Amino acid sequence: MNRWSCSTILLSAMEEIGHRTDPPPFEGLGEDARAYLDWLLDQCAVDDAPLDEIIEPAALDLLAERLTTPLQFAESF
């Protein structure tokens, strides 16, 4: 197989998997970020411990402000 054939095959494969598509924008969780964070911590807490005993409310507000996707939240905890 010559060099031209290999590059043609590779370029075709990239087009087939959507290499040239534009993904839609993701705005993040927006106003629901704090509610999602509260829910996530509640799911992780042992014996329904109050969230304010686990982490300061100001820290929760900062996390909700800085993290935008559910994956970022999950990776942080």
Protein backbone atom coordinates (compact mmCIF):
# COMPACT_ATOMS: atom_id res chain seq x y z
CA MET A 1 0.00 0.00 0.00
CA ASN A 2 1.46 3.37 -0.90
CA ARG A 3 1.53 6.54 1.20
CA TRP A 4 -1.34 8.18 -0.71
CA SER A 5 -3.66 5.21 -0.08
CA CYS A 6 -2.97 5.25 3.66
CA SER A 7 -3.73 8.95 4.07
CA THR A 8 -6.92 8.62 2.02
CA ILE A 9 -8.11 5.78 4.23
CA LEU A 10 -7.32 7.70 7.43
CA LEU A 11 -9.11 10.85 6.23
CA SER A 12 -12.17 8.85 5.25
CA ALA A 13 -12.31 7.23 8.67
CA MET A 14 -12.21 10.61 10.42
CA GLU A 15 -15.13 11.86 8.32
CA GLU A 16 -17.11 8.71 9.07
CA ILE A 17 -16.86 9.22 12.83
CA GLY A 18 -17.97 12.84 12.62
CA HIS A 19 -14.62 14.61 12.73
CA ARG A 20 -16.03 17.52 10.76
CA THR A 21 -19.22 18.05 12.73
CA ASP A 22 -19.95 20.93 15.08
CA PRO A 23 -21.17 19.85 18.52
CA PRO A 24 -24.01 21.89 19.99
CA PRO A 25 -22.99 24.30 22.75
CA PHE A 26 -23.53 23.17 26.33
CA GLU A 27 -24.45 25.92 28.75
CA GLY A 28 -23.80 23.83 31.85
CA LEU A 29 -26.17 23.36 34.76
CA GLY A 30 -26.80 27.07 35.20
CA GLU A 31 -29.08 27.91 38.12
CA ASP A 32 -29.49 24.23 38.96
CA ALA A 33 -25.80 23.79 39.80
CA ARG A 34 -26.27 24.34 43.55
CA ALA A 35 -29.29 22.03 43.69
CA TYR A 36 -27.33 19.34 41.83
CA LEU A 37 -24.38 19.78 44.19
CA ASP A 38 -26.65 19.47 47.23
CA TRP A 39 -28.21 16.32 45.77
CA LEU A 40 -24.81 14.81 44.93
CA LEU A 41 -23.45 15.40 48.42
CA ASP A 42 -26.64 14.06 49.94
CA GLN A 43 -26.18 10.84 47.95
CA CYS A 44 -22.58 10.54 49.15
CA ALA A 45 -23.15 11.47 52.80
CA VAL A 46 -23.15 8.75 55.43
CA ASP A 47 -26.26 8.38 57.59
CA ASP A 48 -27.94 11.51 56.16
CA ALA A 49 -25.40 13.86 57.76
CA PRO A 50 -26.33 17.55 57.41
CA LEU A 51 -24.46 19.19 54.54
CA ASP A 52 -23.39 22.16 56.65
CA GLU A 53 -21.49 19.76 58.92
CA ILE A 54 -19.65 18.27 55.94
CA ILE A 55 -18.69 21.46 54.08
CA GLU A 56 -19.17 25.19 54.61
CA PRO A 57 -22.12 26.74 52.71
CA ALA A 58 -19.77 29.38 51.23
CA ALA A 59 -17.60 26.59 49.82
CA LEU A 60 -20.67 24.96 48.27
CA ASP A 61 -21.60 28.27 46.64
CA LEU A 62 -18.08 28.62 45.23
CA LEU A 63 -18.10 25.06 43.87
CA ALA A 64 -21.50 25.59 42.27
CA GLU A 65 -20.20 28.77 40.66
CA ARG A 66 -16.96 27.26 39.31
CA LEU A 67 -18.08 23.79 38.20
CA THR A 68 -20.42 23.65 35.21
CA THR A 69 -20.99 20.04 34.14
CA PRO A 70 -22.19 17.02 36.12
CA LEU A 71 -18.93 15.24 35.24
CA GLN A 72 -16.88 18.04 36.81
CA PHE A 73 -18.96 17.76 39.98
CA ALA A 74 -18.57 13.98 40.11
CA GLU A 75 -14.80 14.15 39.55
CA SER A 76 -14.43 16.71 42.35
CA PHE A 77 -15.90 14.41 44.96
